[in-house]
Amino acid sequence: MQAQTVFELDGNQSMLMIGKGPGQDATINPFQGEDCFAVIENLGDELFSVRIQQEGEIVAIVPVQPQQTEKIKLLVGQELYLDPETKNKARASVDYEKIGN
């Protein structure tokens, strides 16, 4: 089971993907309430970073190069943000996968 969403990232602001709850998240995580994988694909030509936070603390920052994909374990209670690294627009695909597939 997977869920996928494609986003355009404005070069001026970060985007919360998941972690704040219904109505506040940019994506719907079908595995809410359990650990899962976030699969982030850079569909554009601009570098961006994936930032994972928990309780206001940064857990990890993972750069995603153009045309590359990163699979990141996302634990319950963590927030996932996409942060542009340039002022140009970037495109990202966000998927969630069940752990154990």
PDB file of N, CA and C in Angstrom:
ATOM      1  N   MET A   1       0.842  -1.183   0.000  1.00  0.00           N
ATOM      2  CA  MET A   1       0.000   0.000   0.000  1.00  0.00           C
ATOM      3  C   MET A   1       0.884   1.242   0.000  1.00  0.00           C
ATOM      4  N   GLN A   2       0.570   2.213  -0.844  1.00  0.00           N
ATOM      5  CA  GLN A   2       1.327   3.451  -0.936  1.00  0.00           C
ATOM      6  C   GLN A   2       0.374   4.628  -1.118  1.00  0.00           C
ATOM      7  N   ALA A   3       0.842   5.806  -0.778  1.00  0.00           N
ATOM      8  CA  ALA A   3       0.157   7.051  -1.075  1.00  0.00           C
ATOM      9  C   ALA A   3       1.194   7.986  -1.665  1.00  0.00           C
ATOM     10  N   GLN A   4       0.833   8.715  -2.719  1.00  0.00           N
ATOM     11  CA  GLN A   4       1.808   9.574  -3.373  1.00  0.00           C
ATOM     12  C   GLN A   4       1.198  10.938  -3.651  1.00  0.00           C
ATOM     13  N   THR A   5       2.022  11.959  -3.471  1.00  0.00           N
ATOM     14  CA  THR A   5       1.633  13.324  -3.772  1.00  0.00           C
ATOM     15  C   THR A   5       2.829  14.045  -4.359  1.00  0.00           C
ATOM     16  N   VAL A   6       2.590  14.902  -5.371  1.00  0.00           N
ATOM     17  CA  VAL A   6       3.652  15.692  -5.986  1.00  0.00           C
ATOM     18  C   VAL A   6       3.452  17.150  -5.578  1.00  0.00           C
ATOM     19  N   PHE A   7       4.562  17.804  -5.202  1.00  0.00           N
ATOM     20  CA  PHE A   7       4.529  19.190  -4.750  1.00  0.00           C
ATOM     21  C   PHE A   7       5.541  20.035  -5.501  1.00  0.00           C
ATOM     22  N   GLU A   8       5.201  21.306  -5.681  1.00  0.00           N
ATOM     23  CA  GLU A   8       6.170  22.302  -6.120  1.00  0.00           C
ATOM     24  C   GLU A   8       6.586  23.071  -4.893  1.00  0.00           C
ATOM     25  N   LEU A   9       7.894  23.158  -4.685  1.00  0.00           N
ATOM     26  CA  LEU A   9       8.429  23.876  -3.531  1.00  0.00           C
ATOM     27  C   LEU A   9       8.858  25.268  -3.951  1.00  0.00           C
ATOM     28  N   ASP A  10       8.295  26.262  -3.315  1.00  0.00           N
ATOM     29  CA  ASP A  10       8.711  27.639  -3.531  1.00  0.00           C
ATOM     30  C   ASP A  10      10.071  27.799  -2.875  1.00  0.00           C
ATOM     31  N   GLY A  11      10.977  28.478  -3.523  1.00  0.00           N
ATOM     32  CA  GLY A  11      12.326  28.628  -2.997  1.00  0.00           C
ATOM     33  C   GLY A  11      12.428  29.465  -1.736  1.00  0.00           C
ATOM     34  N   ASN A  12      11.306  29.992  -1.251  1.00  0.00           N
ATOM     35  CA  ASN A  12      11.351  30.901  -0.105  1.00  0.00           C
ATOM     36  C   ASN A  12      10.854  30.318   1.208  1.00  0.00           C
ATOM     37  N   GLN A  13      10.262  29.116   1.191  1.00  0.00           N
ATOM     38  CA  GLN A  13       9.713  28.617   2.441  1.00  0.00           C
ATOM     39  C   GLN A  13       9.745  27.103   2.509  1.00  0.00           C
ATOM     40  N   SER A  14       9.822  26.598   3.728  1.00  0.00           N
ATOM     41  CA  SER A  14       9.772  25.171   3.979  1.00  0.00           C
ATOM     42  C   SER A  14       8.319  24.705   3.926  1.00  0.00           C
ATOM     43  N   MET A  15       8.136  23.412   3.693  1.00  0.00           N
ATOM     44  CA  MET A  15       6.794  22.863   3.622  1.00  0.00           C
ATOM     45  C   MET A  15       6.677  21.654   4.546  1.00  0.00           C
ATOM     46  N   LEU A  16       5.715  21.706   5.460  1.00  0.00           N
ATOM     47  CA  LEU A  16       5.434  20.588   6.344  1.00  0.00           C
ATOM     48  C   LEU A  16       4.678  19.532   5.559  1.00  0.00           C
ATOM     49  N   MET A  17       5.194  18.322   5.529  1.00  0.00           N
ATOM     50  CA  MET A  17       4.538  17.231   4.822  1.00  0.00           C
ATOM     51  C   MET A  17       3.651  16.420   5.752  1.00  0.00           C
ATOM     52  N   ILE A  18       4.176  16.087   6.932  1.00  0.00           N
ATOM     53  CA  ILE A  18       3.432  15.225   7.851  1.00  0.00           C
ATOM     54  C   ILE A  18       3.940  15.440   9.276  1.00  0.00           C
ATOM     55  N   GLY A  19       3.039  15.287  10.232  1.00  0.00           N
ATOM     56  CA  GLY A  19       3.467  15.320  11.628  1.00  0.00           C
ATOM     57  C   GLY A  19       2.662  16.222  12.535  1.00  0.00           C
ATOM     58  N   LYS A  20       1.909  17.152  11.985  1.00  0.00           N
ATOM     59  CA  LYS A  20       1.122  18.058  12.829  1.00  0.00           C
ATOM     60  C   LYS A  20      -0.306  17.572  13.014  1.00  0.00           C
ATOM     61  N   GLY A  21      -0.806  16.761  12.094  1.00  0.00           N
ATOM     62  CA  GLY A  21      -2.146  16.212  12.246  1.00  0.00           C
ATOM     63  C   GLY A  21      -3.089  16.601  11.135  1.00  0.00           C
ATOM     64  N   PRO A  22      -4.286  16.017  11.127  1.00  0.00           N
ATOM     65  CA  PRO A  22      -5.274  16.282  10.081  1.00  0.00           C
ATOM     66  C   PRO A  22      -5.555  17.774   9.928  1.00  0.00           C
ATOM     67  N   GLY A  23      -5.617  18.212   8.679  1.00  0.00           N
ATOM     68  CA  GLY A  23      -5.877  19.614   8.385  1.00  0.00           C
ATOM     69  C   GLY A  23      -4.645  20.493   8.406  1.00  0.00           C
ATOM     70  N   GLN A  24      -3.534  19.993   8.934  1.00  0.00           N
ATOM     71  CA  GLN A  24      -2.302  20.774   8.993  1.00  0.00           C
ATOM     72  C   GLN A  24      -1.192  20.174   8.138  1.00  0.00           C
ATOM     73  N   ASP A  25      -1.332  18.904   7.777  1.00  0.00           N
ATOM     74  CA  ASP A  25      -0.312  18.229   6.994  1.00  0.00           C
ATOM     75  C   ASP A  25      -0.579  18.425   5.506  1.00  0.00           C
ATOM     76  N   ALA A  26       0.496  18.534   4.728  1.00  0.00           N
ATOM     77  CA  ALA A  26       0.362  18.686   3.283  1.00  0.00           C
ATOM     78  C   ALA A  26       0.055  17.350   2.608  1.00  0.00           C
ATOM     79  N   THR A  27       0.424  16.250   3.240  1.00  0.00           N
ATOM     80  CA  THR A  27       0.146  14.935   2.691  1.00  0.00           C
ATOM     81  C   THR A  27      -0.634  14.114   3.702  1.00  0.00           C
ATOM     82  N   ILE A  28      -1.265  13.079   3.211  1.00  0.00           N
ATOM     83  CA  ILE A  28      -1.964  12.142   4.084  1.00  0.00           C
ATOM     84  C   ILE A  28      -1.112  10.889   4.190  1.00  0.00           C
ATOM     85  N   ASN A  29      -0.706  10.575   5.395  1.00  0.00           N
ATOM     86  CA  ASN A  29       0.080   9.376   5.639  1.00  0.00           C
ATOM     87  C   ASN A  29      -0.896   8.247   5.965  1.00  0.00           C
ATOM     88  N   PRO A  30      -1.034   7.256   5.069  1.00  0.00           N
ATOM     89  CA  PRO A  30      -1.979   6.173   5.349  1.00  0.00           C
ATOM     90  C   PRO A  30      -1.547   5.288   6.515  1.00  0.00           C
ATOM     91  N   PHE A  31      -0.333   5.499   7.014  1.00  0.00           N
ATOM     92  CA  PHE A  31       0.197   4.703   8.118  1.00  0.00           C
ATOM     93  C   PHE A  31       0.316   5.524   9.392  1.00  0.00           C
ATOM     94  N   GLN A  32      -0.488   6.587   9.488  1.00  0.00           N
ATOM     95  CA  GLN A  32      -0.460   7.437  10.675  1.00  0.00           C
ATOM     96  C   GLN A  32      -0.666   6.582  11.918  1.00  0.00           C
ATOM     97  N   GLY A  33       0.138   6.819  12.932  1.00  0.00           N
ATOM     98  CA  GLY A  33       0.048   6.061  14.166  1.00  0.00           C
ATOM     99  C   GLY A  33       0.978   4.866  14.217  1.00  0.00           C
ATOM    100  N   GLU A  34       1.770   4.672  13.149  1.00  0.00           N
ATOM    101  CA  GLU A  34       2.766   3.600  13.135  1.00  0.00           C
ATOM    102  C   GLU A  34       3.996   4.080  12.365  1.00  0.00           C
ATOM    103  N   ASP A  35       5.134   3.470  12.671  1.00  0.00           N
ATOM    104  CA  ASP A  35       6.355   3.789  11.937  1.00  0.00           C
ATOM    105  C   ASP A  35       6.167   3.397  10.475  1.00  0.00           C
ATOM    106  N   CYS A  36       6.797   4.146   9.564  1.00  0.00           N
ATOM    107  CA  CYS A  36       6.706   3.847   8.146  1.00  0.00           C
ATOM    108  C   CYS A  36       7.941   4.407   7.449  1.00  0.00           C
ATOM    109  N   PHE A  37       8.008   4.233   6.144  1.00  0.00           N
ATOM    110  CA  PHE A  37       9.048   4.852   5.342  1.00  0.00           C
ATOM    111  C   PHE A  37       8.446   6.017   4.579  1.00  0.00           C
ATOM    112  N   ALA A  38       9.165   7.125   4.524  1.00  0.00           N
ATOM    113  CA  ALA A  38       8.843   8.236   3.636  1.00  0.00           C
ATOM    114  C   ALA A  38       9.792   8.117   2.445  1.00  0.00           C
ATOM    115  N   VAL A  39       9.233   8.082   1.251  1.00  0.00           N
ATOM    116  CA  VAL A  39      10.032   7.979   0.034  1.00  0.00           C
ATOM    117  C   VAL A  39       9.899   9.306  -0.693  1.00  0.00           C
ATOM    118  N   ILE A  40      11.006  10.051  -0.734  1.00  0.00           N
ATOM    119  CA  ILE A  40      11.017  11.398  -1.294  1.00  0.00           C
ATOM    120  C   ILE A  40      11.820  11.379  -2.583  1.00  0.00           C
ATOM    121  N   GLU A  41      11.177  11.768  -3.684  1.00  0.00           N
ATOM    122  CA  GLU A  41      11.855  11.811  -4.983  1.00  0.00           C
ATOM    123  C   GLU A  41      11.957  13.254  -5.447  1.00  0.00           C
ATOM    124  N   ASN A  42      13.149  13.651  -5.866  1.00  0.00           N
ATOM    125  CA  ASN A  42      13.370  14.982  -6.417  1.00  0.00           C
ATOM    126  C   ASN A  42      13.078  14.899  -7.910  1.00  0.00           C
ATOM    127  N   LEU A  43      11.974  15.492  -8.343  1.00  0.00           N
ATOM    128  CA  LEU A  43      11.549  15.440  -9.738  1.00  0.00           C
ATOM    129  C   LEU A  43      12.102  16.582 -10.573  1.00  0.00           C
ATOM    130  N   GLY A  44      12.797  17.503  -9.942  1.00  0.00           N
ATOM    131  CA  GLY A  44      13.273  18.693 -10.636  1.00  0.00           C
ATOM    132  C   GLY A  44      14.772  18.752 -10.774  1.00  0.00           C
ATOM    133  N   ASP A  45      15.247  19.974 -10.992  1.00  0.00           N
ATOM    134  CA  ASP A  45      16.671  20.226 -11.211  1.00  0.00           C
ATOM    135  C   ASP A  45      17.326  20.955 -10.052  1.00  0.00           C
ATOM    136  N   GLU A  46      16.594  21.161  -8.957  1.00  0.00           N
ATOM    137  CA  GLU A  46      17.103  21.919  -7.815  1.00  0.00           C
ATOM    138  C   GLU A  46      17.238  21.024  -6.587  1.00  0.00           C
ATOM    139  N   LEU A  47      18.312  21.193  -5.842  1.00  0.00           N
ATOM    140  CA  LEU A  47      18.536  20.478  -4.588  1.00  0.00           C
ATOM    141  C   LEU A  47      17.533  20.947  -3.535  1.00  0.00           C
ATOM    142  N   PHE A  48      17.006  20.010  -2.742  1.00  0.00           N
ATOM    143  CA  PHE A  48      16.260  20.360  -1.540  1.00  0.00           C
ATOM    144  C   PHE A  48      16.622  19.359  -0.453  1.00  0.00           C
ATOM    145  N   SER A  49      16.221  19.671   0.779  1.00  0.00           N
ATOM    146  CA  SER A  49      16.525  18.797   1.906  1.00  0.00           C
ATOM    147  C   SER A  49      15.243  18.317   2.565  1.00  0.00           C
ATOM    148  N   VAL A  50      15.319  17.129   3.140  1.00  0.00           N
ATOM    149  CA  VAL A  50      14.256  16.592   3.978  1.00  0.00           C
ATOM    150  C   VAL A  50      14.721  16.775   5.417  1.00  0.00           C
ATOM    151  N   ARG A  51      13.892  17.442   6.212  1.00  0.00           N
ATOM    152  CA  ARG A  51      14.217  17.656   7.626  1.00  0.00           C
ATOM    153  C   ARG A  51      13.223  16.860   8.468  1.00  0.00           C
ATOM    154  N   ILE A  52      13.743  16.045   9.376  1.00  0.00           N
ATOM    155  CA  ILE A  52      12.917  15.278  10.298  1.00  0.00           C
ATOM    156  C   ILE A  52      13.078  15.896  11.686  1.00  0.00           C
ATOM    157  N   GLN A  53      11.941  16.217  12.317  1.00  0.00           N
ATOM    158  CA  GLN A  53      11.955  16.789  13.667  1.00  0.00           C
ATOM    159  C   GLN A  53      11.051  15.971  14.576  1.00  0.00           C
ATOM    160  N   GLN A  54      11.394  15.997  15.856  1.00  0.00           N
ATOM    161  CA  GLN A  54      10.536  15.390  16.871  1.00  0.00           C
ATOM    162  C   GLN A  54      10.587  16.267  18.112  1.00  0.00           C
ATOM    163  N   GLU A  55       9.427  16.683  18.565  1.00  0.00           N
ATOM    164  CA  GLU A  55       9.297  17.547  19.732  1.00  0.00           C
ATOM    165  C   GLU A  55      10.181  18.791  19.612  1.00  0.00           C
ATOM    166  N   GLY A  56      10.206  19.384  18.419  1.00  0.00           N
ATOM    167  CA  GLY A  56      10.957  20.611  18.187  1.00  0.00           C
ATOM    168  C   GLY A  56      12.439  20.443  17.955  1.00  0.00           C
ATOM    169  N   GLU A  57      12.950  19.239  18.067  1.00  0.00           N
ATOM    170  CA  GLU A  57      14.379  18.964  17.861  1.00  0.00           C
ATOM    171  C   GLU A  57      14.600  18.331  16.495  1.00  0.00           C
ATOM    172  N   ILE A  58      15.628  18.789  15.791  1.00  0.00           N
ATOM    173  CA  ILE A  58      15.972  18.212  14.498  1.00  0.00           C
ATOM    174  C   ILE A  58      16.633  16.854  14.724  1.00  0.00           C
ATOM    175  N   VAL A  59      16.068  15.831  14.101  1.00  0.00           N
ATOM    176  CA  VAL A  59      16.575  14.467  14.202  1.00  0.00           C
ATOM    177  C   VAL A  59      17.537  14.179  13.057  1.00  0.00           C
ATOM    178  N   ALA A  60      17.195  14.652  11.845  1.00  0.00           N
ATOM    179  CA  ALA A  60      18.025  14.392  10.664  1.00  0.00           C
ATOM    180  C   ALA A  60      17.722  15.413   9.585  1.00  0.00           C
ATOM    181  N   ILE A  61      18.732  15.685   8.776  1.00  0.00           N
ATOM    182  CA  ILE A  61      18.578  16.474   7.556  1.00  0.00           C
ATOM    183  C   ILE A  61      19.209  15.658   6.437  1.00  0.00           C
ATOM    184  N   VAL A  62      18.414  15.362   5.418  1.00  0.00           N
ATOM    185  CA  VAL A  62      18.877  14.524   4.310  1.00  0.00           C
ATOM    186  C   VAL A  62      18.743  15.306   3.014  1.00  0.00           C
ATOM    187  N   PRO A  63      19.857  15.619   2.339  1.00  0.00           N
ATOM    188  CA  PRO A  63      19.761  16.297   1.045  1.00  0.00           C
ATOM    189  C   PRO A  63      19.241  15.340  -0.020  1.00  0.00           C
ATOM    190  N   VAL A  64      18.418  15.873  -0.924  1.00  0.00           N
ATOM    191  CA  VAL A  64      17.902  15.083  -2.038  1.00  0.00           C
ATOM    192  C   VAL A  64      18.331  15.773  -3.330  1.00  0.00           C
ATOM    193  N   GLN A  65      19.269  15.145  -4.003  1.00  0.00           N
ATOM    194  CA  GLN A  65      19.824  15.697  -5.245  1.00  0.00           C
ATOM    195  C   GLN A  65      18.789  15.616  -6.372  1.00  0.00           C
ATOM    196  N   PRO A  66      18.916  16.474  -7.384  1.00  0.00           N
ATOM    197  CA  PRO A  66      18.010  16.409  -8.533  1.00  0.00           C
ATOM    198  C   PRO A  66      17.972  15.004  -9.128  1.00  0.00           C
ATOM    199  N   GLN A  67      16.745  14.579  -9.434  1.00  0.00           N
ATOM    200  CA  GLN A  67      16.484  13.278 -10.068  1.00  0.00           C
ATOM    201  C   GLN A  67      16.892  12.084  -9.193  1.00  0.00           C
ATOM    202  N   GLN A  68      16.980  12.278  -7.877  1.00  0.00           N
ATOM    203  CA  GLN A  68      17.330  11.201  -6.955  1.00  0.00           C
ATOM    204  C   GLN A  68      16.160  10.926  -6.008  1.00  0.00           C
ATOM    205  N   THR A  69      16.200   9.758  -5.354  1.00  0.00           N
ATOM    206  CA  THR A  69      15.179   9.352  -4.400  1.00  0.00           C
ATOM    207  C   THR A  69      15.839   8.961  -3.088  1.00  0.00           C
ATOM    208  N   GLU A  70      15.235   9.374  -1.977  1.00  0.00           N
ATOM    209  CA  GLU A  70      15.703   9.004  -0.641  1.00  0.00           C
ATOM    210  C   GLU A  70      14.558   8.320   0.098  1.00  0.00           C
ATOM    211  N   LYS A  71      14.851   7.203   0.750  1.00  0.00           N
ATOM    212  CA  LYS A  71      13.883   6.471   1.564  1.00  0.00           C
ATOM    213  C   LYS A  71      14.297   6.634   3.022  1.00  0.00           C
ATOM    214  N   ILE A  72      13.425   7.227   3.818  1.00  0.00           N
ATOM    215  CA  ILE A  72      13.757   7.613   5.187  1.00  0.00           C
ATOM    216  C   ILE A  72      12.754   6.970   6.142  1.00  0.00           C
ATOM    217  N   LYS A  73      13.264   6.334   7.186  1.00  0.00           N
ATOM    218  CA  LYS A  73      12.377   5.763   8.196  1.00  0.00           C
ATOM    219  C   LYS A  73      11.784   6.907   9.006  1.00  0.00           C
ATOM    220  N   LEU A  74      10.473   6.943   9.080  1.00  0.00           N
ATOM    221  CA  LEU A  74       9.744   7.992   9.784  1.00  0.00           C
ATOM    222  C   LEU A  74       9.021   7.348  10.966  1.00  0.00           C
ATOM    223  N   LEU A  75       9.421   7.739  12.165  1.00  0.00           N
ATOM    224  CA  LEU A  75       8.853   7.151  13.378  1.00  0.00           C
ATOM    225  C   LEU A  75       7.619   7.925  13.830  1.00  0.00           C
ATOM    226  N   VAL A  76       6.758   7.254  14.560  1.00  0.00           N
ATOM    227  CA  VAL A  76       5.565   7.896  15.114  1.00  0.00           C
ATOM    228  C   VAL A  76       5.994   9.133  15.896  1.00  0.00           C
ATOM    229  N   GLY A  77       5.291  10.230  15.683  1.00  0.00           N
ATOM    230  CA  GLY A  77       5.585  11.464  16.412  1.00  0.00           C
ATOM    231  C   GLY A  77       6.580  12.370  15.718  1.00  0.00           C
ATOM    232  N   GLN A  78       7.166  11.923  14.622  1.00  0.00           N
ATOM    233  CA  GLN A  78       8.124  12.764  13.905  1.00  0.00           C
ATOM    234  C   GLN A  78       7.407  13.601  12.855  1.00  0.00           C
ATOM    235  N   GLU A  79       7.989  14.766  12.585  1.00  0.00           N
ATOM    236  CA  GLU A  79       7.486  15.677  11.559  1.00  0.00           C
ATOM    237  C   GLU A  79       8.456  15.655  10.392  1.00  0.00           C
ATOM    238  N   LEU A  80       7.912  15.699   9.175  1.00  0.00           N
ATOM    239  CA  LEU A  80       8.726  15.687   7.968  1.00  0.00           C
ATOM    240  C   LEU A  80       8.512  17.002   7.226  1.00  0.00           C
ATOM    241  N   TYR A  81       9.600  17.708   6.948  1.00  0.00           N
ATOM    242  CA  TYR A  81       9.564  18.971   6.223  1.00  0.00           C
ATOM    243  C   TYR A  81      10.411  18.856   4.965  1.00  0.00           C
ATOM    244  N   LEU A  82      10.036  19.575   3.918  1.00  0.00           N
ATOM    245  CA  LEU A  82      10.877  19.746   2.745  1.00  0.00           C
ATOM    246  C   LEU A  82      11.374  21.177   2.757  1.00  0.00           C
ATOM    247  N   ASP A  83      12.695  21.334   2.665  1.00  0.00           N
ATOM    248  CA  ASP A  83      13.334  22.643   2.728  1.00  0.00           C
ATOM    249  C   ASP A  83      14.069  22.923   1.424  1.00  0.00           C
ATOM    250  N   PRO A  84      13.678  23.970   0.690  1.00  0.00           N
ATOM    251  CA  PRO A  84      14.416  24.323  -0.518  1.00  0.00           C
ATOM    252  C   PRO A  84      15.831  24.783  -0.173  1.00  0.00           C
ATOM    253  N   GLU A  85      16.757  24.495  -1.035  1.00  0.00           N
ATOM    254  CA  GLU A  85      18.151  24.904  -0.834  1.00  0.00           C
ATOM    255  C   GLU A  85      18.541  26.048  -1.770  1.00  0.00           C
ATOM    256  N   THR A  86      17.663  26.378  -2.709  1.00  0.00           N
ATOM    257  CA  THR A  86      17.908  27.493  -3.623  1.00  0.00           C
ATOM    258  C   THR A  86      16.646  28.351  -3.683  1.00  0.00           C
ATOM    259  N   LYS A  87      16.712  29.470  -4.352  1.00  0.00           N
ATOM    260  CA  LYS A  87      15.548  30.349  -4.519  1.00  0.00           C
ATOM    261  C   LYS A  87      14.660  29.892  -5.666  1.00  0.00           C
ATOM    262  N   ASN A  88      15.128  28.925  -6.462  1.00  0.00           N
ATOM    263  CA  ASN A  88      14.344  28.415  -7.583  1.00  0.00           C
ATOM    264  C   ASN A  88      13.339  27.380  -7.100  1.00  0.00           C
ATOM    265  N   LYS A  89      12.292  27.171  -7.883  1.00  0.00           N
ATOM    266  CA  LYS A  89      11.280  26.177  -7.533  1.00  0.00           C
ATOM    267  C   LYS A  89      11.826  24.772  -7.739  1.00  0.00           C
ATOM    268  N   ALA A  90      11.396  23.886  -6.862  1.00  0.00           N
ATOM    269  CA  ALA A  90      11.769  22.475  -6.948  1.00  0.00           C
ATOM    270  C   ALA A  90      10.479  21.659  -6.980  1.00  0.00           C
ATOM    271  N   ARG A  91      10.571  20.430  -7.493  1.00  0.00           N
ATOM    272  CA  ARG A  91       9.421  19.516  -7.520  1.00  0.00           C
ATOM    273  C   ARG A  91       9.786  18.254  -6.762  1.00  0.00           C
ATOM    274  N   ALA A  92       8.856  17.822  -5.930  1.00  0.00           N
ATOM    275  CA  ALA A  92       9.111  16.627  -5.115  1.00  0.00           C
ATOM    276  C   ALA A  92       7.892  15.716  -5.125  1.00  0.00           C
ATOM    277  N   SER A  93       8.161  14.428  -5.107  1.00  0.00           N
ATOM    278  CA  SER A  93       7.126  13.422  -4.926  1.00  0.00           C
ATOM    279  C   SER A  93       7.310  12.838  -3.535  1.00  0.00           C
ATOM    280  N   VAL A  94       6.206  12.708  -2.800  1.00  0.00           N
ATOM    281  CA  VAL A  94       6.241  12.171  -1.450  1.00  0.00           C
ATOM    282  C   VAL A  94       5.355  10.924  -1.405  1.00  0.00           C
ATOM    283  N   ASP A  95       5.970   9.781  -1.059  1.00  0.00           N
ATOM    284  CA  ASP A  95       5.253   8.511  -0.900  1.00  0.00           C
ATOM    285  C   ASP A  95       5.458   8.023   0.527  1.00  0.00           C
ATOM    286  N   TYR A  96       4.567   7.182   0.979  1.00  0.00           N
ATOM    287  CA  TYR A  96       4.731   6.510   2.262  1.00  0.00           C
ATOM    288  C   TYR A  96       4.582   5.023   2.025  1.00  0.00           C
ATOM    289  N   GLU A  97       5.459   4.250   2.649  1.00  0.00           N
ATOM    290  CA  GLU A  97       5.412   2.796   2.515  1.00  0.00           C
ATOM    291  C   GLU A  97       5.347   2.160   3.902  1.00  0.00           C
ATOM    292  N   LYS A  98       4.599   1.107   3.967  1.00  0.00           N
ATOM    293  CA  LYS A  98       4.524   0.341   5.204  1.00  0.00           C
ATOM    294  C   LYS A  98       5.849  -0.367   5.434  1.00  0.00           C
ATOM    295  N   ILE A  99       6.326  -0.377   6.657  1.00  0.00           N
ATOM    296  CA  ILE A  99       7.543  -1.105   6.988  1.00  0.00           C
ATOM    297  C   ILE A  99       7.218  -2.598   6.951  1.00  0.00           C
ATOM    298  N   GLY A 100       8.109  -3.335   6.329  1.00  0.00           N
ATOM    299  CA  GLY A 100       7.900  -4.771   6.226  1.00  0.00           C
ATOM    300  C   GLY A 100       7.435  -5.222   4.865  1.00  0.00           C
ATOM    301  N   ASN A 101       7.281  -4.290   3.916  1.00  0.00           N
ATOM    302  CA  ASN A 101       6.907  -4.655   2.540  1.00  0.00           C
ATOM    303  C   ASN A 101       8.121  -5.031   1.748  1.00  0.00           C
TER     304      ASN A 101
END
